[in-house]
Amino acid sequence: MPWSRLERIRTEAIYAAARYSRSRRVDIDPDGGWVVIYDFELPPYYNYETVDILIELPPDYPATPPQWFYTDPGLRRRDGKAMSHYFQHQLRERSGWAACCLHIRSWAPTADPLQGHSLLSVCRLIYDAFARWGR
């Protein structure tokens, strides 16, 4: 039996939090519009060790990948340089969050979220983006 969209999002969020969250805490929008991964571990280039990450999910997720995620507006590189694709001023109606754009170009979800692209893939891209932006 195929999963409902919300069941899939819930399962993927739990897997992503288990891998990328220090506290393994996650919050999921009841309508499937977003997921928050708390205490997302960062590479060592920043003023925080962890931040909360809100991933905005498109209405037809998982067929379409997320493009936007949000994080703490106080996040800074340790050296003070600006981060690309990080918009400190609130954008798009996510008050209290700084917007970040992923630009996912290749996306291939499968029935098994551990085999194809999923929130695990998105969290890996986010971690890799923070690593690039921090260097």
N, C-alpha and C. Protein backbone atom coordinates (compact mmCIF):
# COMPACT_ATOMS: atom_id res chain seq x y z
N MET A 1 0.84 -1.19 0.00
CA MET A 1 0.00 0.00 0.00
C MET A 1 0.89 1.25 0.00
N PRO A 2 0.66 2.19 -0.91
CA PRO A 2 1.48 3.40 -0.97
C PRO A 2 1.22 4.30 0.25
N TRP A 3 2.24 5.04 0.62
CA TRP A 3 2.13 5.97 1.74
C TRP A 3 1.34 7.19 1.34
N SER A 4 0.67 7.79 2.31
CA SER A 4 0.09 9.11 2.05
C SER A 4 1.23 10.12 2.08
N ARG A 5 1.01 11.27 1.52
CA ARG A 5 2.03 12.32 1.49
C ARG A 5 2.49 12.66 2.91
N LEU A 6 1.54 12.82 3.84
CA LEU A 6 1.89 13.18 5.22
C LEU A 6 2.64 12.07 5.94
N GLU A 7 2.29 10.82 5.69
CA GLU A 7 3.03 9.70 6.28
C GLU A 7 4.47 9.70 5.79
N ARG A 8 4.63 9.95 4.51
CA ARG A 8 5.98 9.97 3.94
C ARG A 8 6.79 11.12 4.54
N ILE A 9 6.20 12.31 4.60
CA ILE A 9 6.90 13.46 5.18
C ILE A 9 7.29 13.17 6.62
N ARG A 10 6.38 12.62 7.39
CA ARG A 10 6.65 12.30 8.80
C ARG A 10 7.82 11.31 8.91
N THR A 11 7.79 10.26 8.11
CA THR A 11 8.85 9.26 8.14
C THR A 11 10.19 9.85 7.72
N GLU A 12 10.20 10.62 6.64
CA GLU A 12 11.43 11.24 6.18
C GLU A 12 11.98 12.22 7.22
N ALA A 13 11.10 12.97 7.86
CA ALA A 13 11.54 13.94 8.86
C ALA A 13 12.18 13.24 10.05
N ILE A 14 11.63 12.12 10.46
CA ILE A 14 12.21 11.37 11.58
C ILE A 14 13.59 10.84 11.20
N TYR A 15 13.73 10.31 9.99
CA TYR A 15 15.04 9.84 9.51
C TYR A 15 16.04 11.00 9.46
N ALA A 16 15.60 12.15 8.93
CA ALA A 16 16.49 13.30 8.80
C ALA A 16 16.94 13.81 10.17
N ALA A 17 16.02 13.87 11.11
CA ALA A 17 16.37 14.33 12.46
C ALA A 17 17.33 13.35 13.13
N ALA A 18 17.13 12.06 12.91
CA ALA A 18 18.02 11.05 13.50
C ALA A 18 19.45 11.24 12.98
N ARG A 19 19.59 11.68 11.76
CA ARG A 19 20.93 11.82 11.15
C ARG A 19 21.55 13.20 11.37
N TYR A 20 20.75 14.28 11.31
CA TYR A 20 21.30 15.64 11.26
C TYR A 20 21.03 16.49 12.50
N SER A 21 20.19 16.03 13.42
CA SER A 21 19.85 16.82 14.60
C SER A 21 20.55 16.28 15.83
N ARG A 22 21.19 17.15 16.56
CA ARG A 22 21.85 16.73 17.79
C ARG A 22 20.82 16.21 18.80
N SER A 23 19.65 16.84 18.85
CA SER A 23 18.61 16.42 19.81
C SER A 23 17.62 15.42 19.21
N ARG A 24 17.68 15.24 17.90
CA ARG A 24 16.76 14.37 17.15
C ARG A 24 15.31 14.84 17.23
N ARG A 25 15.14 16.13 17.45
CA ARG A 25 13.80 16.71 17.53
C ARG A 25 13.36 17.21 16.16
N VAL A 26 12.08 17.03 15.89
CA VAL A 26 11.50 17.46 14.63
C VAL A 26 10.07 17.94 14.89
N ASP A 27 9.61 18.87 14.09
CA ASP A 27 8.24 19.34 14.13
C ASP A 27 7.73 19.35 12.70
N ILE A 28 6.50 18.91 12.51
CA ILE A 28 5.95 18.76 11.17
C ILE A 28 4.63 19.51 11.08
N ASP A 29 4.49 20.34 10.07
CA ASP A 29 3.23 21.03 9.81
C ASP A 29 2.14 20.00 9.57
N PRO A 30 0.99 20.08 10.24
CA PRO A 30 -0.09 19.11 10.04
C PRO A 30 -0.58 19.05 8.59
N ASP A 31 -0.37 20.14 7.84
CA ASP A 31 -0.78 20.16 6.43
C ASP A 31 0.35 19.79 5.48
N GLY A 32 1.54 19.52 6.00
CA GLY A 32 2.66 19.11 5.17
C GLY A 32 3.35 20.25 4.44
N GLY A 33 3.20 21.48 4.92
CA GLY A 33 3.83 22.62 4.25
C GLY A 33 5.26 22.88 4.67
N TRP A 34 5.67 22.33 5.80
CA TRP A 34 7.03 22.55 6.30
C TRP A 34 7.40 21.50 7.32
N VAL A 35 8.71 21.41 7.56
CA VAL A 35 9.29 20.54 8.57
C VAL A 35 10.36 21.36 9.28
N VAL A 36 10.44 21.27 10.61
CA VAL A 36 11.53 21.90 11.34
C VAL A 36 12.40 20.80 11.93
N ILE A 37 13.69 20.88 11.62
CA ILE A 37 14.69 20.01 12.23
C ILE A 37 15.41 20.87 13.27
N TYR A 38 15.24 20.54 14.53
CA TYR A 38 15.87 21.30 15.61
C TYR A 38 17.31 20.84 15.82
N ASP A 39 18.14 21.77 16.24
CA ASP A 39 19.52 21.46 16.60
C ASP A 39 20.30 20.79 15.47
N PHE A 40 20.10 21.30 14.26
CA PHE A 40 20.81 20.84 13.06
C PHE A 40 22.29 21.16 13.25
N GLU A 41 23.13 20.15 13.15
CA GLU A 41 24.56 20.35 13.39
C GLU A 41 25.22 21.06 12.19
N LEU A 42 26.03 22.05 12.50
CA LEU A 42 26.71 22.85 11.49
C LEU A 42 28.18 22.46 11.37
N PRO A 43 28.77 22.73 10.18
CA PRO A 43 30.24 22.62 10.07
C PRO A 43 30.88 23.64 11.01
N PRO A 44 32.16 23.54 11.28
CA PRO A 44 32.80 24.37 12.31
C PRO A 44 33.11 25.81 11.92
N TYR A 45 32.45 26.36 10.92
CA TYR A 45 32.79 27.70 10.42
C TYR A 45 31.89 28.80 10.97
N TYR A 46 31.01 28.49 11.91
CA TYR A 46 29.95 29.42 12.29
C TYR A 46 29.98 29.79 13.77
N ASN A 47 29.20 30.81 14.09
CA ASN A 47 29.11 31.27 15.47
C ASN A 47 28.23 30.37 16.34
N TYR A 48 27.55 29.39 15.76
CA TYR A 48 26.76 28.41 16.51
C TYR A 48 27.22 27.01 16.12
N GLU A 49 27.04 26.06 17.03
CA GLU A 49 27.30 24.66 16.70
C GLU A 49 26.08 24.02 16.03
N THR A 50 24.89 24.47 16.44
CA THR A 50 23.64 23.96 15.86
C THR A 50 22.68 25.12 15.61
N VAL A 51 21.76 24.91 14.68
CA VAL A 51 20.67 25.85 14.43
C VAL A 51 19.41 25.04 14.13
N ASP A 52 18.27 25.69 14.25
CA ASP A 52 17.03 25.07 13.81
C ASP A 52 16.86 25.38 12.33
N ILE A 53 16.37 24.40 11.59
CA ILE A 53 16.18 24.52 10.14
C ILE A 53 14.71 24.28 9.83
N LEU A 54 14.06 25.22 9.17
CA LEU A 54 12.70 25.03 8.68
C LEU A 54 12.80 24.79 7.18
N ILE A 55 12.32 23.65 6.72
CA ILE A 55 12.34 23.32 5.29
C ILE A 55 10.93 23.50 4.76
N GLU A 56 10.77 24.37 3.79
CA GLU A 56 9.47 24.63 3.18
C GLU A 56 9.22 23.57 2.10
N LEU A 57 8.10 22.88 2.20
CA LEU A 57 7.79 21.81 1.25
C LEU A 57 6.75 22.27 0.24
N PRO A 58 7.00 22.05 -1.05
CA PRO A 58 6.00 22.42 -2.06
C PRO A 58 4.77 21.51 -1.93
N PRO A 59 3.62 21.98 -2.40
CA PRO A 59 2.39 21.20 -2.26
C PRO A 59 2.47 19.81 -2.89
N ASP A 60 3.28 19.63 -3.92
CA ASP A 60 3.37 18.32 -4.58
C ASP A 60 4.63 17.55 -4.18
N TYR A 61 5.23 17.93 -3.02
CA TYR A 61 6.35 17.15 -2.49
C TYR A 61 5.85 15.74 -2.21
N PRO A 62 6.59 14.69 -2.56
CA PRO A 62 7.99 14.62 -2.94
C PRO A 62 8.26 14.70 -4.44
N ALA A 63 7.24 14.87 -5.27
CA ALA A 63 7.49 14.95 -6.71
C ALA A 63 8.37 16.15 -7.06
N THR A 64 8.19 17.25 -6.33
CA THR A 64 8.96 18.47 -6.54
C THR A 64 9.82 18.71 -5.30
N PRO A 65 11.10 19.03 -5.49
CA PRO A 65 11.97 19.23 -4.32
C PRO A 65 11.73 20.58 -3.64
N PRO A 66 12.10 20.68 -2.38
CA PRO A 66 12.09 21.98 -1.71
C PRO A 66 13.16 22.88 -2.33
N GLN A 67 12.91 24.17 -2.35
CA GLN A 67 13.91 25.13 -2.82
C GLN A 67 14.34 26.08 -1.72
N TRP A 68 13.50 26.26 -0.71
CA TRP A 68 13.78 27.21 0.36
C TRP A 68 13.89 26.50 1.70
N PHE A 69 14.85 26.96 2.50
CA PHE A 69 14.86 26.59 3.90
C PHE A 69 15.19 27.85 4.69
N TYR A 70 14.92 27.79 5.97
CA TYR A 70 15.06 28.96 6.83
C TYR A 70 15.84 28.57 8.07
N THR A 71 16.55 29.54 8.62
CA THR A 71 17.35 29.28 9.81
C THR A 71 17.41 30.53 10.68
N ASP A 72 18.21 30.49 11.69
CA ASP A 72 18.36 31.58 12.66
C ASP A 72 18.92 32.82 11.98
N PRO A 73 18.25 33.98 12.11
CA PRO A 73 18.78 35.20 11.50
C PRO A 73 20.07 35.69 12.14
N GLY A 74 20.46 35.13 13.27
CA GLY A 74 21.71 35.51 13.92
C GLY A 74 22.91 34.69 13.49
N LEU A 75 22.70 33.73 12.60
CA LEU A 75 23.80 32.87 12.14
C LEU A 75 24.84 33.71 11.39
N ARG A 76 26.10 33.51 11.74
CA ARG A 76 27.19 34.24 11.10
C ARG A 76 28.39 33.32 10.90
N ARG A 77 29.17 33.62 9.88
CA ARG A 77 30.47 32.97 9.73
C ARG A 77 31.37 33.50 10.83
N ARG A 78 32.27 32.67 11.31
CA ARG A 78 33.19 33.10 12.36
C ARG A 78 34.10 34.24 11.91
N ASP A 79 34.43 34.26 10.61
CA ASP A 79 35.32 35.31 10.10
C ASP A 79 34.58 36.59 9.73
N GLY A 80 33.25 36.60 9.86
CA GLY A 80 32.46 37.80 9.60
C GLY A 80 32.08 38.02 8.15
N LYS A 81 32.58 37.20 7.23
CA LYS A 81 32.25 37.37 5.82
C LYS A 81 30.80 36.94 5.56
N ALA A 82 30.22 37.49 4.49
CA ALA A 82 28.84 37.19 4.13
C ALA A 82 28.72 35.78 3.55
N MET A 83 27.56 35.19 3.72
CA MET A 83 27.27 33.87 3.14
C MET A 83 26.38 34.08 1.91
N SER A 84 26.70 33.40 0.82
CA SER A 84 25.84 33.49 -0.36
C SER A 84 24.57 32.68 -0.12
N HIS A 85 23.52 33.05 -0.80
CA HIS A 85 22.22 32.36 -0.73
C HIS A 85 21.59 32.39 0.66
N TYR A 86 22.06 33.27 1.52
CA TYR A 86 21.54 33.44 2.87
C TYR A 86 21.03 34.86 2.97
N PHE A 87 19.75 35.00 3.25
CA PHE A 87 19.11 36.31 3.26
C PHE A 87 18.66 36.61 4.68
N GLN A 88 19.43 37.44 5.36
CA GLN A 88 19.20 37.71 6.76
C GLN A 88 17.88 38.41 7.00
N HIS A 89 17.49 39.27 6.10
CA HIS A 89 16.23 39.98 6.27
C HIS A 89 15.10 39.03 5.92
N GLN A 90 14.04 39.08 6.70
CA GLN A 90 12.97 38.13 6.47
C GLN A 90 12.42 38.27 5.06
N LEU A 91 12.23 37.13 4.44
CA LEU A 91 11.69 37.06 3.10
C LEU A 91 10.46 36.17 3.14
N ARG A 92 9.60 36.35 2.24
CA ARG A 92 8.49 35.45 2.00
C ARG A 92 7.59 35.26 3.21
N GLU A 93 7.36 35.85 4.15
CA GLU A 93 6.41 35.61 5.23
C GLU A 93 6.86 34.58 6.27
N ARG A 94 8.11 34.36 6.46
CA ARG A 94 8.61 33.49 7.52
C ARG A 94 9.27 34.39 8.57
N SER A 95 8.46 35.13 9.29
CA SER A 95 8.97 36.07 10.29
C SER A 95 9.80 35.35 11.34
N GLY A 96 10.94 35.95 11.68
CA GLY A 96 11.81 35.37 12.69
C GLY A 96 12.81 34.37 12.13
N TRP A 97 12.81 34.17 10.85
CA TRP A 97 13.74 33.23 10.21
C TRP A 97 14.52 33.97 9.13
N ALA A 98 15.73 33.52 8.84
CA ALA A 98 16.50 33.98 7.69
C ALA A 98 16.32 32.97 6.57
N ALA A 99 16.08 33.44 5.38
CA ALA A 99 15.81 32.57 4.24
C ALA A 99 17.10 32.14 3.55
N CYS A 100 17.11 30.90 3.06
CA CYS A 100 18.24 30.36 2.31
C CYS A 100 17.68 29.59 1.12
N CYS A 101 18.34 29.71 -0.01
CA CYS A 101 17.87 29.06 -1.23
C CYS A 101 18.81 27.92 -1.61
N LEU A 102 18.23 26.78 -2.00
CA LEU A 102 19.03 25.60 -2.34
C LEU A 102 19.30 25.44 -3.84
N HIS A 103 18.37 25.78 -4.70
CA HIS A 103 18.52 25.58 -6.15
C HIS A 103 18.75 24.11 -6.50
N ILE A 104 17.87 23.23 -6.07
CA ILE A 104 18.00 21.81 -6.39
C ILE A 104 17.65 21.61 -7.86
N ARG A 105 18.57 21.07 -8.63
CA ARG A 105 18.36 20.89 -10.06
C ARG A 105 18.10 19.44 -10.44
N SER A 106 18.63 18.52 -9.66
CA SER A 106 18.45 17.10 -9.94
C SER A 106 17.69 16.48 -8.78
N TRP A 107 16.56 15.84 -9.07
CA TRP A 107 15.70 15.31 -8.02
C TRP A 107 15.03 14.04 -8.52
N ALA A 108 15.24 12.94 -7.83
CA ALA A 108 14.67 11.66 -8.24
C ALA A 108 14.18 10.88 -7.02
N PRO A 109 12.99 11.22 -6.51
CA PRO A 109 12.45 10.46 -5.38
C PRO A 109 12.00 9.07 -5.85
N THR A 110 12.02 8.12 -4.93
CA THR A 110 11.53 6.77 -5.23
C THR A 110 10.51 6.39 -4.16
N ALA A 111 9.87 5.26 -4.33
CA ALA A 111 8.89 4.80 -3.34
C ALA A 111 9.53 4.62 -1.97
N ASP A 112 10.80 4.23 -1.94
CA ASP A 112 11.53 4.06 -0.68
C ASP A 112 12.37 5.31 -0.44
N PRO A 113 12.03 6.12 0.56
CA PRO A 113 12.78 7.37 0.77
C PRO A 113 14.24 7.17 1.15
N LEU A 114 14.61 5.96 1.55
CA LEU A 114 16.02 5.69 1.85
C LEU A 114 16.82 5.38 0.59
N GLN A 115 16.14 5.12 -0.50
CA GLN A 115 16.81 4.80 -1.77
C GLN A 115 16.89 6.00 -2.71
N GLY A 116 15.82 6.79 -2.76
CA GLY A 116 15.80 7.94 -3.66
C GLY A 116 15.96 9.23 -2.88
N HIS A 117 15.75 10.35 -3.55
CA HIS A 117 15.85 11.65 -2.89
C HIS A 117 14.70 11.84 -1.92
N SER A 118 15.01 12.50 -0.80
CA SER A 118 14.05 12.67 0.29
C SER A 118 14.53 13.82 1.17
N LEU A 119 13.90 14.00 2.32
CA LEU A 119 14.37 15.00 3.27
C LEU A 119 15.79 14.70 3.77
N LEU A 120 16.18 13.44 3.76
CA LEU A 120 17.58 13.10 4.06
C LEU A 120 18.51 13.75 3.04
N SER A 121 18.15 13.66 1.77
CA SER A 121 18.96 14.28 0.71
C SER A 121 18.99 15.80 0.88
N VAL A 122 17.83 16.37 1.21
CA VAL A 122 17.75 17.82 1.38
C VAL A 122 18.64 18.26 2.54
N CYS A 123 18.59 17.53 3.65
CA CYS A 123 19.44 17.87 4.79
C CYS A 123 20.92 17.74 4.44
N ARG A 124 21.27 16.76 3.64
CA ARG A 124 22.67 16.63 3.20
C ARG A 124 23.06 17.84 2.36
N LEU A 125 22.17 18.27 1.46
CA LEU A 125 22.43 19.45 0.64
C LEU A 125 22.57 20.70 1.50
N ILE A 126 21.73 20.81 2.53
CA ILE A 126 21.82 21.95 3.44
C ILE A 126 23.16 21.94 4.17
N TYR A 127 23.55 20.79 4.70
CA TYR A 127 24.84 20.70 5.38
C TYR A 127 25.98 21.06 4.42
N ASP A 128 25.94 20.51 3.22
CA ASP A 128 26.98 20.81 2.23
C ASP A 128 26.99 22.29 1.85
N ALA A 129 25.80 22.91 1.76
CA ALA A 129 25.72 24.35 1.46
C ALA A 129 26.37 25.14 2.58
N PHE A 130 26.05 24.80 3.83
CA PHE A 130 26.70 25.50 4.95
C PHE A 130 28.22 25.32 4.91
N ALA A 131 28.68 24.15 4.53
CA ALA A 131 30.13 23.92 4.42
C ALA A 131 30.72 24.83 3.34
N ARG A 132 30.07 24.93 2.17
CA ARG A 132 30.56 25.79 1.08
C ARG A 132 30.52 27.26 1.50
N TRP A 133 29.41 27.67 2.09
CA TRP A 133 29.24 29.08 2.46
C TRP A 133 30.20 29.49 3.57
N GLY A 134 30.65 28.54 4.36
CA GLY A 134 31.51 28.85 5.49
C GLY A 134 32.98 28.93 5.16
N ARG A 135 33.35 28.45 3.99
CA ARG A 135 34.79 28.44 3.63
C ARG A 135 35.22 29.75 3.04
